[in-house]
């Protein structure tokens, strides 16, 4: 249960960082709204993203994995569609935001103990 909460916090921090660094991404300043957006983003990444990656596997192989960044941007745009607290102006904003979110998530996840 604590690992789930930690993942939620990592998603929230990553989304906040993307909104801070990318001008086309706007995130509510309310902590509860950010937590809800992070939960929805995590749910979309857990349920829909594997299905999209399965069907786009040939493109992922053909582009040596670069297509995964586009999939991440699409998941971010899907989160924008389902929430009121997140607004993304363009696909390019989502693309750069997905890169920031990936970097922040990787850095923060490096501090987690995988066996806990």
C-alpha atoms as a PDB file:
ATOM      1  CA  UNK A   1       0.000   0.000   0.000  1.00  0.00           C
ATOM      2  CA  UNK A   2       2.817   2.405   0.809  1.00  0.00           C
ATOM      3  CA  UNK A   3       4.452   1.674  -2.558  1.00  0.00           C
ATOM      4  CA  UNK A   4       1.222   2.701  -4.282  1.00  0.00           C
ATOM      5  CA  UNK A   5       1.184   5.979  -2.357  1.00  0.00           C
ATOM      6  CA  UNK A   6       4.845   6.582  -3.195  1.00  0.00           C
ATOM      7  CA  UNK A   7       4.114   5.989  -6.892  1.00  0.00           C
ATOM      8  CA  UNK A   8       1.205   8.438  -6.646  1.00  0.00           C
ATOM      9  CA  UNK A   9       3.527  11.049  -5.122  1.00  0.00           C
ATOM     10  CA  UNK A  10       6.140  10.421  -7.831  1.00  0.00           C
ATOM     11  CA  UNK A  11       3.485  10.901 -10.531  1.00  0.00           C
ATOM     12  CA  UNK A  12       2.271  14.083  -8.844  1.00  0.00           C
ATOM     13  CA  UNK A  13       5.793  15.520  -8.597  1.00  0.00           C
ATOM     14  CA  UNK A  14       6.527  14.568 -12.210  1.00  0.00           C
ATOM     15  CA  UNK A  15       3.324  16.212 -13.431  1.00  0.00           C
ATOM     16  CA  UNK A  16       4.077  19.316 -11.374  1.00  0.00           C
ATOM     17  CA  UNK A  17       7.594  19.470 -12.848  1.00  0.00           C
ATOM     18  CA  UNK A  18       6.223  19.172 -16.381  1.00  0.00           C
ATOM     19  CA  UNK A  19       3.732  21.964 -15.703  1.00  0.00           C
ATOM     20  CA  UNK A  20       6.518  24.103 -14.244  1.00  0.00           C
ATOM     21  CA  UNK A  21       9.027  23.628 -17.057  1.00  0.00           C
ATOM     22  CA  UNK A  22       6.760  23.382 -20.111  1.00  0.00           C
ATOM     23  CA  UNK A  23       4.767  26.498 -20.910  1.00  0.00           C
ATOM     24  CA  UNK A  24       1.928  24.679 -22.678  1.00  0.00           C
ATOM     25  CA  UNK A  25       0.999  22.499 -19.698  1.00  0.00           C
ATOM     26  CA  UNK A  26      -1.186  23.936 -16.966  1.00  0.00           C
ATOM     27  CA  UNK A  27      -1.914  22.080 -13.736  1.00  0.00           C
ATOM     28  CA  UNK A  28      -4.147  23.132 -10.888  1.00  0.00           C
ATOM     29  CA  UNK A  29      -2.345  24.353  -7.777  1.00  0.00           C
ATOM     30  CA  UNK A  30      -4.716  22.500  -5.451  1.00  0.00           C
ATOM     31  CA  UNK A  31      -2.967  19.509  -3.854  1.00  0.00           C
ATOM     32  CA  UNK A  32      -6.077  17.317  -3.985  1.00  0.00           C
ATOM     33  CA  UNK A  33      -6.607  18.085  -7.682  1.00  0.00           C
ATOM     34  CA  UNK A  34      -2.980  17.271  -8.450  1.00  0.00           C
ATOM     35  CA  UNK A  35      -3.324  13.970  -6.561  1.00  0.00           C
ATOM     36  CA  UNK A  36      -6.457  13.118  -8.556  1.00  0.00           C
ATOM     37  CA  UNK A  37      -4.705  13.939 -11.836  1.00  0.00           C
ATOM     38  CA  UNK A  38      -1.728  11.813 -10.753  1.00  0.00           C
ATOM     39  CA  UNK A  39      -4.039   8.908  -9.886  1.00  0.00           C
ATOM     40  CA  UNK A  40      -5.814   9.126 -13.241  1.00  0.00           C
ATOM     41  CA  UNK A  41      -2.470   9.393 -15.044  1.00  0.00           C
ATOM     42  CA  UNK A  42      -1.222   6.307 -13.185  1.00  0.00           C
ATOM     43  CA  UNK A  43      -4.414   4.403 -13.970  1.00  0.00           C
ATOM     44  CA  UNK A  44      -4.190   5.270 -17.670  1.00  0.00           C
ATOM     45  CA  UNK A  45      -0.532   4.217 -17.716  1.00  0.00           C
ATOM     46  CA  UNK A  46      -1.381   0.946 -15.972  1.00  0.00           C
ATOM     47  CA  UNK A  47      -4.407  -0.022 -18.067  1.00  0.00           C
ATOM     48  CA  UNK A  48      -4.374   1.637 -21.484  1.00  0.00           C
ATOM     49  CA  UNK A  49      -0.654   2.118 -22.157  1.00  0.00           C
ATOM     50  CA  UNK A  50       0.226  -1.620 -22.278  1.00  0.00           C
ATOM     51  CA  UNK A  51      -2.552  -2.219 -24.808  1.00  0.00           C
ATOM     52  CA  UNK A  52      -1.354   0.663 -27.001  1.00  0.00           C
ATOM     53  CA  UNK A  53       2.241  -0.555 -26.743  1.00  0.00           C
ATOM     54  CA  UNK A  54       1.170  -4.052 -27.771  1.00  0.00           C
ATOM     55  CA  UNK A  55      -0.554  -2.840 -30.925  1.00  0.00           C
ATOM     56  CA  UNK A  56       2.216  -0.384 -31.791  1.00  0.00           C
ATOM     57  CA  UNK A  57       5.025  -2.872 -31.166  1.00  0.00           C
ATOM     58  CA  UNK A  58       6.170  -2.892 -34.832  1.00  0.00           C
ATOM     59  CA  UNK A  59       6.554   0.914 -34.748  1.00  0.00           C
ATOM     60  CA  UNK A  60       8.462   0.709 -31.477  1.00  0.00           C
ATOM     61  CA  UNK A  61      10.858  -1.828 -32.984  1.00  0.00           C
ATOM     62  CA  UNK A  62      11.176   0.134 -36.251  1.00  0.00           C
ATOM     63  CA  UNK A  63      12.033   3.385 -34.421  1.00  0.00           C
ATOM     64  CA  UNK A  64      14.270   1.652 -31.861  1.00  0.00           C
ATOM     65  CA  UNK A  65      11.974   2.684 -29.014  1.00  0.00           C
ATOM     66  CA  UNK A  66      11.574   6.371 -29.896  1.00  0.00           C
ATOM     67  CA  UNK A  67       7.876   5.795 -30.654  1.00  0.00           C
ATOM     68  CA  UNK A  68       7.398   5.158 -26.927  1.00  0.00           C
ATOM     69  CA  UNK A  69       7.796   8.912 -26.344  1.00  0.00           C
ATOM     70  CA  UNK A  70       4.833   9.528 -28.642  1.00  0.00           C
ATOM     71  CA  UNK A  71       2.812   6.934 -26.749  1.00  0.00           C
ATOM     72  CA  UNK A  72       3.683   8.695 -23.478  1.00  0.00           C
ATOM     73  CA  UNK A  73       2.536  12.014 -24.969  1.00  0.00           C
ATOM     74  CA  UNK A  74      -0.745  10.415 -26.035  1.00  0.00           C
ATOM     75  CA  UNK A  75      -1.280   9.058 -22.509  1.00  0.00           C
ATOM     76  CA  UNK A  76      -0.698  12.564 -21.165  1.00  0.00           C
ATOM     77  CA  UNK A  77      -3.233  13.989 -23.631  1.00  0.00           C
ATOM     78  CA  UNK A  78      -5.690  11.275 -22.595  1.00  0.00           C
ATOM     79  CA  UNK A  79      -5.224  12.312 -18.979  1.00  0.00           C
ATOM     80  CA  UNK A  80      -5.943  15.897 -20.032  1.00  0.00           C
ATOM     81  CA  UNK A  81      -9.162  14.700 -21.682  1.00  0.00           C
ATOM     82  CA  UNK A  82     -10.399  12.968 -18.518  1.00  0.00           C
ATOM     83  CA  UNK A  83      -9.500  15.680 -15.989  1.00  0.00           C
ATOM     84  CA  UNK A  84     -10.415  19.311 -15.460  1.00  0.00           C
ATOM     85  CA  UNK A  85      -7.297  20.153 -13.457  1.00  0.00           C
ATOM     86  CA  UNK A  86      -4.842  19.490 -16.299  1.00  0.00           C
ATOM     87  CA  UNK A  87      -4.759  21.482 -19.531  1.00  0.00           C
ATOM     88  CA  UNK A  88      -2.343  20.828 -22.384  1.00  0.00           C
ATOM     89  CA  UNK A  89      -2.256  23.335 -25.223  1.00  0.00           C
ATOM     90  CA  UNK A  90      -0.723  21.247 -28.010  1.00  0.00           C
ATOM     91  CA  UNK A  91       0.740  17.892 -28.914  1.00  0.00           C
ATOM     92  CA  UNK A  92       4.255  19.371 -28.785  1.00  0.00           C
ATOM     93  CA  UNK A  93       3.635  20.486 -25.202  1.00  0.00           C
ATOM     94  CA  UNK A  94       2.492  16.958 -24.384  1.00  0.00           C
ATOM     95  CA  UNK A  95       5.563  15.534 -26.117  1.00  0.00           C
ATOM     96  CA  UNK A  96       8.021  17.686 -24.163  1.00  0.00           C
ATOM     97  CA  UNK A  97       5.969  17.169 -21.001  1.00  0.00           C
ATOM     98  CA  UNK A  98       6.147  13.395 -21.393  1.00  0.00           C
ATOM     99  CA  UNK A  99       9.933  13.649 -21.634  1.00  0.00           C
ATOM    100  CA  UNK A 100      10.090  15.713 -18.431  1.00  0.00           C
ATOM    101  CA  UNK A 101       7.700  13.321 -16.666  1.00  0.00           C
ATOM    102  CA  UNK A 102       9.806  10.326 -17.740  1.00  0.00           C
ATOM    103  CA  UNK A 103      13.046  11.889 -16.519  1.00  0.00           C
ATOM    104  CA  UNK A 104      11.601  12.963 -13.162  1.00  0.00           C
ATOM    105  CA  UNK A 105       9.945   9.563 -12.652  1.00  0.00           C
ATOM    106  CA  UNK A 106      13.166   7.706 -13.424  1.00  0.00           C
ATOM    107  CA  UNK A 107      15.203   9.884 -11.066  1.00  0.00           C
ATOM    108  CA  UNK A 108      12.698   9.636  -8.203  1.00  0.00           C
ATOM    109  CA  UNK A 109      12.102   5.902  -8.728  1.00  0.00           C
ATOM    110  CA  UNK A 110      15.837   5.281  -8.425  1.00  0.00           C
ATOM    111  CA  UNK A 111      15.504   6.057  -4.717  1.00  0.00           C
ATOM    112  CA  UNK A 112      12.854   3.375  -4.163  1.00  0.00           C
ATOM    113  CA  UNK A 113      13.685  -0.010  -2.714  1.00  0.00           C
ATOM    114  CA  UNK A 114      12.184  -2.544  -5.152  1.00  0.00           C
ATOM    115  CA  UNK A 115      11.856  -5.240  -2.495  1.00  0.00           C
ATOM    116  CA  UNK A 116       9.821  -3.148  -0.053  1.00  0.00           C
END
